[in-house]
Structure formats: structure tokens, C-alpha cells
PDB file of N, CA and C in Angstrom:
ATOM      1  N   MET A   1       0.829  -1.176   0.000  1.00  0.00           N
ATOM      2  CA  MET A   1       0.000   0.000   0.000  1.00  0.00           C
ATOM      3  C   MET A   1       0.885   1.255   0.000  1.00  0.00           C
ATOM      4  N   PHE A   2       1.947   1.225   0.774  1.00  0.00           N
ATOM      5  CA  PHE A   2       2.840   2.373   0.833  1.00  0.00           C
ATOM      6  C   PHE A   2       3.496   2.621  -0.520  1.00  0.00           C
ATOM      7  N   ALA A   3       3.900   1.544  -1.189  1.00  0.00           N
ATOM      8  CA  ALA A   3       4.537   1.691  -2.505  1.00  0.00           C
ATOM      9  C   ALA A   3       3.567   2.286  -3.524  1.00  0.00           C
ATOM     10  N   ASN A   4       2.314   1.911  -3.464  1.00  0.00           N
ATOM     11  CA  ASN A   4       1.314   2.473  -4.380  1.00  0.00           C
ATOM     12  C   ASN A   4       1.131   3.966  -4.146  1.00  0.00           C
ATOM     13  N   LEU A   5       1.074   4.373  -2.896  1.00  0.00           N
ATOM     14  CA  LEU A   5       0.912   5.796  -2.588  1.00  0.00           C
ATOM     15  C   LEU A   5       2.125   6.607  -3.034  1.00  0.00           C
ATOM     16  N   VAL A   6       3.293   6.102  -2.739  1.00  0.00           N
ATOM     17  CA  VAL A   6       4.506   6.834  -3.084  1.00  0.00           C
ATOM     18  C   VAL A   6       4.688   6.891  -4.596  1.00  0.00           C
ATOM     19  N   ALA A   7       4.391   5.806  -5.293  1.00  0.00           N
ATOM     20  CA  ALA A   7       4.563   5.777  -6.750  1.00  0.00           C
ATOM     21  C   ALA A   7       3.636   6.780  -7.424  1.00  0.00           C
ATOM     22  N   GLY A   8       2.405   6.849  -6.979  1.00  0.00           N
ATOM     23  CA  GLY A   8       1.456   7.798  -7.566  1.00  0.00           C
ATOM     24  C   GLY A   8       1.857   9.235  -7.333  1.00  0.00           C
ATOM     25  N   HIS A   9       2.261   9.547  -6.118  1.00  0.00           N
ATOM     26  CA  HIS A   9       2.669  10.914  -5.806  1.00  0.00           C
ATOM     27  C   HIS A   9       3.958  11.291  -6.535  1.00  0.00           C
ATOM     28  N   THR A  10       4.858  10.346  -6.658  1.00  0.00           N
ATOM     29  CA  THR A  10       6.108  10.611  -7.370  1.00  0.00           C
ATOM     30  C   THR A  10       5.837  10.877  -8.845  1.00  0.00           C
ATOM     31  N   LEU A  11       4.971  10.084  -9.442  1.00  0.00           N
ATOM     32  CA  LEU A  11       4.619  10.292 -10.849  1.00  0.00           C
ATOM     33  C   LEU A  11       3.988  11.663 -11.053  1.00  0.00           C
ATOM     34  N   LEU A  12       3.083  12.050 -10.178  1.00  0.00           N
ATOM     35  CA  LEU A  12       2.452  13.366 -10.303  1.00  0.00           C
ATOM     36  C   LEU A  12       3.453  14.495 -10.111  1.00  0.00           C
ATOM     37  N   LYS A  13       4.398  14.332  -9.210  1.00  0.00           N
ATOM     38  CA  LYS A  13       5.419  15.359  -8.990  1.00  0.00           C
ATOM     39  C   LYS A  13       6.310  15.517 -10.224  1.00  0.00           C
ATOM     40  N   ILE A  14       6.741  14.417 -10.808  1.00  0.00           N
ATOM     41  CA  ILE A  14       7.594  14.473 -11.994  1.00  0.00           C
ATOM     42  C   ILE A  14       6.849  15.117 -13.152  1.00  0.00           C
ATOM     43  N   LEU A  15       5.615  14.690 -13.374  1.00  0.00           N
ATOM     44  CA  LEU A  15       4.838  15.247 -14.491  1.00  0.00           C
ATOM     45  C   LEU A  15       4.506  16.724 -14.273  1.00  0.00           C
ATOM     46  N   SER A  16       4.197  17.112 -13.046  1.00  0.00           N
ATOM     47  CA  SER A  16       3.862  18.511 -12.808  1.00  0.00           C
ATOM     48  C   SER A  16       5.079  19.410 -13.020  1.00  0.00           C
ATOM     49  N   THR A  17       6.248  18.959 -12.621  1.00  0.00           N
ATOM     50  CA  THR A  17       7.463  19.742 -12.848  1.00  0.00           C
ATOM     51  C   THR A  17       7.742  19.881 -14.344  1.00  0.00           C
ATOM     52  N   TYR A  18       7.590  18.794 -15.066  1.00  0.00           N
ATOM     53  CA  TYR A  18       7.809  18.818 -16.515  1.00  0.00           C
ATOM     54  C   TYR A  18       6.792  19.737 -17.204  1.00  0.00           C
ATOM     55  N   LEU A  19       5.530  19.639 -16.817  1.00  0.00           N
ATOM     56  CA  LEU A  19       4.507  20.489 -17.420  1.00  0.00           C
ATOM     57  C   LEU A  19       4.727  21.962 -17.080  1.00  0.00           C
ATOM     58  N   TYR A  20       5.186  22.250 -15.889  1.00  0.00           N
ATOM     59  CA  TYR A  20       5.483  23.639 -15.516  1.00  0.00           C
ATOM     60  C   TYR A  20       6.585  24.209 -16.406  1.00  0.00           C
ATOM     61  N   ASP A  21       7.611  23.404 -16.656  1.00  0.00           N
ATOM     62  CA  ASP A  21       8.688  23.856 -17.544  1.00  0.00           C
ATOM     63  C   ASP A  21       8.172  24.107 -18.955  1.00  0.00           C
ATOM     64  N   LEU A  22       7.258  23.270 -19.409  1.00  0.00           N
ATOM     65  CA  LEU A  22       6.704  23.463 -20.752  1.00  0.00           C
ATOM     66  C   LEU A  22       5.800  24.692 -20.822  1.00  0.00           C
ATOM     67  N   PHE A  23       5.015  24.924 -19.781  1.00  0.00           N
ATOM     68  CA  PHE A  23       4.109  26.077 -19.788  1.00  0.00           C
ATOM     69  C   PHE A  23       4.855  27.404 -19.711  1.00  0.00           C
ATOM     70  N   THR A  24       6.011  27.409 -19.098  1.00  0.00           N
ATOM     71  CA  THR A  24       6.756  28.657 -18.977  1.00  0.00           C
ATOM     72  C   THR A  24       7.622  28.939 -20.199  1.00  0.00           C
ATOM     73  N   GLY A  25       7.562  28.075 -21.198  1.00  0.00           N
ATOM     74  CA  GLY A  25       8.310  28.293 -22.433  1.00  0.00           C
ATOM     75  C   GLY A  25       7.583  29.269 -23.338  1.00  0.00           C
ATOM     76  N   SER A  26       7.725  29.069 -24.614  1.00  0.00           N
ATOM     77  CA  SER A  26       7.081  29.970 -25.575  1.00  0.00           C
ATOM     78  C   SER A  26       5.575  29.727 -25.625  1.00  0.00           C
ATOM     79  N   LEU A  27       4.869  30.627 -26.272  1.00  0.00           N
ATOM     80  CA  LEU A  27       3.407  30.555 -26.341  1.00  0.00           C
ATOM     81  C   LEU A  27       2.951  29.342 -27.136  1.00  0.00           C
ATOM     82  N   ILE A  28       3.628  29.034 -28.213  1.00  0.00           N
ATOM     83  CA  ILE A  28       3.239  27.885 -29.047  1.00  0.00           C
ATOM     84  C   ILE A  28       3.399  26.580 -28.268  1.00  0.00           C
ATOM     85  N   VAL A  29       4.505  26.444 -27.558  1.00  0.00           N
ATOM     86  CA  VAL A  29       4.723  25.244 -26.745  1.00  0.00           C
ATOM     87  C   VAL A  29       3.694  25.167 -25.626  1.00  0.00           C
ATOM     88  N   ALA A  30       3.332  26.297 -25.035  1.00  0.00           N
ATOM     89  CA  ALA A  30       2.335  26.306 -23.962  1.00  0.00           C
ATOM     90  C   ALA A  30       0.969  25.862 -24.480  1.00  0.00           C
ATOM     91  N   ILE A  31       0.625  26.250 -25.698  1.00  0.00           N
ATOM     92  CA  ILE A  31      -0.660  25.830 -26.269  1.00  0.00           C
ATOM     93  C   ILE A  31      -0.644  24.330 -26.565  1.00  0.00           C
ATOM     94  N   ILE A  32       0.458  23.837 -27.088  1.00  0.00           N
ATOM     95  CA  ILE A  32       0.566  22.402 -27.368  1.00  0.00           C
ATOM     96  C   ILE A  32       0.568  21.591 -26.072  1.00  0.00           C
ATOM     97  N   THR A  33       1.048  22.190 -24.997  1.00  0.00           N
ATOM     98  CA  THR A  33       1.130  21.503 -23.713  1.00  0.00           C
ATOM     99  C   THR A  33      -0.254  21.266 -23.098  1.00  0.00           C
ATOM    100  N   LEU A  34      -1.284  21.876 -23.615  1.00  0.00           N
ATOM    101  CA  LEU A  34      -2.631  21.660 -23.074  1.00  0.00           C
ATOM    102  C   LEU A  34      -3.080  20.212 -23.232  1.00  0.00           C
ATOM    103  N   VAL A  35      -2.618  19.528 -24.253  1.00  0.00           N
ATOM    104  CA  VAL A  35      -2.990  18.113 -24.444  1.00  0.00           C
ATOM    105  C   VAL A  35      -2.405  17.246 -23.327  1.00  0.00           C
ATOM    106  N   PRO A  36      -1.094  17.311 -23.048  1.00  0.00           N
ATOM    107  CA  PRO A  36      -0.581  16.530 -21.912  1.00  0.00           C
ATOM    108  C   PRO A  36      -1.165  16.981 -20.572  1.00  0.00           C
ATOM    109  N   PHE A  37      -1.550  18.257 -20.486  1.00  0.00           N
ATOM    110  CA  PHE A  37      -2.137  18.751 -19.242  1.00  0.00           C
ATOM    111  C   PHE A  37      -3.483  18.075 -18.964  1.00  0.00           C
ATOM    112  N   THR A  38      -4.272  17.826 -20.003  1.00  0.00           N
ATOM    113  CA  THR A  38      -5.546  17.120 -19.792  1.00  0.00           C
ATOM    114  C   THR A  38      -5.302  15.680 -19.354  1.00  0.00           C
ATOM    115  N   ILE A  39      -4.256  15.063 -19.885  1.00  0.00           N
ATOM    116  CA  ILE A  39      -3.901  13.712 -19.438  1.00  0.00           C
ATOM    117  C   ILE A  39      -3.455  13.753 -17.980  1.00  0.00           C
ATOM    118  N   PHE A  40      -2.725  14.797 -17.616  1.00  0.00           N
ATOM    119  CA  PHE A  40      -2.290  14.969 -16.227  1.00  0.00           C
ATOM    120  C   PHE A  40      -3.493  15.116 -15.293  1.00  0.00           C
ATOM    121  N   LEU A  41      -4.492  15.873 -15.712  1.00  0.00           N
ATOM    122  CA  LEU A  41      -5.705  16.009 -14.893  1.00  0.00           C
ATOM    123  C   LEU A  41      -6.425  14.678 -14.738  1.00  0.00           C
ATOM    124  N   ALA A  42      -6.436  13.867 -15.795  1.00  0.00           N
ATOM    125  CA  ALA A  42      -7.038  12.540 -15.694  1.00  0.00           C
ATOM    126  C   ALA A  42      -6.257  11.666 -14.714  1.00  0.00           C
ATOM    127  N   LEU A  43      -4.941  11.787 -14.716  1.00  0.00           N
ATOM    128  CA  LEU A  43      -4.128  11.027 -13.762  1.00  0.00           C
ATOM    129  C   LEU A  43      -4.377  11.469 -12.326  1.00  0.00           C
ATOM    130  N   ILE A  44      -4.626  12.745 -12.126  1.00  0.00           N
ATOM    131  CA  ILE A  44      -4.967  13.222 -10.776  1.00  0.00           C
ATOM    132  C   ILE A  44      -6.286  12.599 -10.325  1.00  0.00           C
ATOM    133  N   GLY A  45      -7.262  12.548 -11.222  1.00  0.00           N
ATOM    134  CA  GLY A  45      -8.535  11.899 -10.894  1.00  0.00           C
ATOM    135  C   GLY A  45      -8.357  10.424 -10.584  1.00  0.00           C
ATOM    136  N   LEU A  46      -7.518   9.749 -11.358  1.00  0.00           N
ATOM    137  CA  LEU A  46      -7.239   8.341 -11.108  1.00  0.00           C
ATOM    138  C   LEU A  46      -6.541   8.153  -9.768  1.00  0.00           C
ATOM    139  N   GLU A  47      -5.595   9.017  -9.463  1.00  0.00           N
ATOM    140  CA  GLU A  47      -4.885   8.943  -8.184  1.00  0.00           C
ATOM    141  C   GLU A  47      -5.844   9.179  -7.014  1.00  0.00           C
ATOM    142  N   LEU A  48      -6.773  10.089  -7.189  1.00  0.00           N
ATOM    143  CA  LEU A  48      -7.766  10.339  -6.152  1.00  0.00           C
ATOM    144  C   LEU A  48      -8.664   9.114  -5.948  1.00  0.00           C
ATOM    145  N   ALA A  49      -9.088   8.497  -7.031  1.00  0.00           N
ATOM    146  CA  ALA A  49      -9.926   7.299  -6.925  1.00  0.00           C
ATOM    147  C   ALA A  49      -9.172   6.155  -6.258  1.00  0.00           C
ATOM    148  N   VAL A  50      -7.922   5.964  -6.618  1.00  0.00           N
ATOM    149  CA  VAL A  50      -7.118   4.900  -6.014  1.00  0.00           C
ATOM    150  C   VAL A  50      -6.922   5.160  -4.525  1.00  0.00           C
ATOM    151  N   SER A  51      -6.685   6.407  -4.148  1.00  0.00           N
ATOM    152  CA  SER A  51      -6.487   6.706  -2.730  1.00  0.00           C
ATOM    153  C   SER A  51      -7.763   6.480  -1.929  1.00  0.00           C
ATOM    154  N   LEU A  52      -8.916   6.790  -2.504  1.00  0.00           N
ATOM    155  CA  LEU A  52     -10.179   6.525  -1.803  1.00  0.00           C
ATOM    156  C   LEU A  52     -10.420   5.031  -1.629  1.00  0.00           C
ATOM    157  N   ILE A  53     -10.123   4.248  -2.648  1.00  0.00           N
ATOM    158  CA  ILE A  53     -10.279   2.794  -2.550  1.00  0.00           C
ATOM    159  C   ILE A  53      -9.319   2.223  -1.516  1.00  0.00           C
ATOM    160  N   GLN A  54      -8.086   2.703  -1.500  1.00  0.00           N
ATOM    161  CA  GLN A  54      -7.121   2.211  -0.516  1.00  0.00           C
ATOM    162  C   GLN A  54      -7.528   2.601   0.899  1.00  0.00           C
ATOM    163  N   ALA A  55      -8.075   3.777   1.080  1.00  0.00           N
ATOM    164  CA  ALA A  55      -8.544   4.178   2.405  1.00  0.00           C
ATOM    165  C   ALA A  55      -9.707   3.292   2.850  1.00  0.00           C
ATOM    166  N   PHE A  56     -10.589   2.961   1.927  1.00  0.00           N
ATOM    167  CA  PHE A  56     -11.713   2.083   2.245  1.00  0.00           C
ATOM    168  C   PHE A  56     -11.228   0.700   2.650  1.00  0.00           C
ATOM    169  N   VAL A  57     -10.299   0.131   1.897  1.00  0.00           N
ATOM    170  CA  VAL A  57      -9.766  -1.198   2.209  1.00  0.00           C
ATOM    171  C   VAL A  57      -9.029  -1.174   3.549  1.00  0.00           C
ATOM    172  N   PHE A  58      -8.238  -0.144   3.793  1.00  0.00           N
ATOM    173  CA  PHE A  58      -7.516  -0.027   5.061  1.00  0.00           C
ATOM    174  C   PHE A  58      -8.488   0.051   6.233  1.00  0.00           C
ATOM    175  N   THR A  59      -9.570   0.810   6.077  1.00  0.00           N
ATOM    176  CA  THR A  59     -10.572   0.924   7.139  1.00  0.00           C
ATOM    177  C   THR A  59     -11.250  -0.419   7.391  1.00  0.00           C
ATOM    178  N   LEU A  60     -11.585  -1.136   6.320  1.00  0.00           N
ATOM    179  CA  LEU A  60     -12.188  -2.457   6.501  1.00  0.00           C
ATOM    180  C   LEU A  60     -11.250  -3.414   7.215  1.00  0.00           C
ATOM    181  N   LEU A  61      -9.982  -3.387   6.862  1.00  0.00           N
ATOM    182  CA  LEU A  61      -9.025  -4.275   7.515  1.00  0.00           C
ATOM    183  C   LEU A  61      -8.858  -3.927   8.990  1.00  0.00           C
ATOM    184  N   VAL A  62      -8.774  -2.662   9.306  1.00  0.00           N
ATOM    185  CA  VAL A  62      -8.635  -2.257  10.710  1.00  0.00           C
ATOM    186  C   VAL A  62      -9.859  -2.679  11.507  1.00  0.00           C
ATOM    187  N   CYS A  63     -11.041  -2.476  10.958  1.00  0.00           N
ATOM    188  CA  CYS A  63     -12.268  -2.883  11.656  1.00  0.00           C
ATOM    189  C   CYS A  63     -12.311  -4.392  11.854  1.00  0.00           C
ATOM    190  N   SER A  64     -11.896  -5.133  10.858  1.00  0.00           N
ATOM    191  CA  SER A  64     -11.883  -6.589  10.963  1.00  0.00           C
ATOM    192  C   SER A  64     -10.898  -7.056  12.024  1.00  0.00           C
ATOM    193  N   TYR A  65      -9.703  -6.475  12.041  1.00  0.00           N
ATOM    194  CA  TYR A  65      -8.705  -6.863  13.036  1.00  0.00           C
ATOM    195  C   TYR A  65      -9.150  -6.472  14.442  1.00  0.00           C
ATOM    196  N   LEU A  66      -9.745  -5.310  14.585  1.00  0.00           N
ATOM    197  CA  LEU A  66     -10.232  -4.900  15.905  1.00  0.00           C
ATOM    198  C   LEU A  66     -11.355  -5.801  16.396  1.00  0.00           C
ATOM    199  N   ARG A  67     -12.256  -6.178  15.506  1.00  0.00           N
ATOM    200  CA  ARG A  67     -13.342  -7.081  15.894  1.00  0.00           C
ATOM    201  C   ARG A  67     -12.780  -8.423  16.364  1.00  0.00           C
ATOM    202  N   ASP A  68     -11.778  -8.949  15.636  1.00  0.00           N
ATOM    203  CA  ASP A  68     -11.189 -10.217  16.031  1.00  0.00           C
ATOM    204  C   ASP A  68     -10.423 -10.085  17.357  1.00  0.00           C
ATOM    205  N   ALA A  69      -9.817  -8.938  17.603  1.00  0.00           N
ATOM    206  CA  ALA A  69      -9.086  -8.748  18.849  1.00  0.00           C
ATOM    207  C   ALA A  69     -10.031  -8.607  20.035  1.00  0.00           C
ATOM    208  N   ILE A  70     -11.198  -8.041  19.821  1.00  0.00           N
ATOM    209  CA  ILE A  70     -12.139  -7.828  20.925  1.00  0.00           C
ATOM    210  C   ILE A  70     -12.936  -9.084  21.232  1.00  0.00           C
ATOM    211  N   GLU A  71     -13.396  -9.798  20.208  1.00  0.00           N
ATOM    212  CA  GLU A  71     -14.275 -10.942  20.418  1.00  0.00           C
ATOM    213  C   GLU A  71     -13.512 -12.192  20.848  1.00  0.00           C
ATOM    214  N   LEU A  72     -12.278 -12.352  20.504  1.00  0.00           N
ATOM    215  CA  LEU A  72     -11.446 -13.486  20.906  1.00  0.00           C
ATOM    216  C   LEU A  72     -12.071 -14.837  20.585  1.00  0.00           C
ATOM    217  N   HIS A  73     -12.752 -14.944  19.543  1.00  0.00           N
ATOM    218  CA  HIS A  73     -13.385 -16.172  19.026  1.00  0.00           C
ATOM    219  C   HIS A  73     -14.111 -16.879  20.127  1.00  0.00           C
TER     220      HIS A  73
END
């Protein structure tokens, strides 16, 4: 789970730095950069969805472990 979180954030950091460099270039390059920027926004949405699913799974696991620790079979 930790590797998934770190990999997603690292990918977004690398892409955002690259896109910032492209946007601060000439006007023509900045206009062309709008296409990768839309892909970047889609990746942010995907990262958000993955983080919500991981939070849900983590919560279910914690609840399951706590129930087993309290009930003692």
C-alpha cells in the first residue's frame, strides 16, 4: 500500500514539474502543452480514486482486526 501511494505521488510530482517547464516556455509550446495537461488532470482523478479505494480497504481491515481482537473467538 505504501509503494502504491509513493509511486502515484512521485509520478504526479515528476509530471507537474515537466509540465510547468513546458508552460513557462514559448506561447506555441504552452498551447501544445494543453494536451498533456488534460492527461495529467485525468491522472490526478485516477490517483484520487485509487487513494479513496485504498482508504476504504484499510478501514475495513482495521475494523476486521479490531473485531477479532475484541471478540477473541
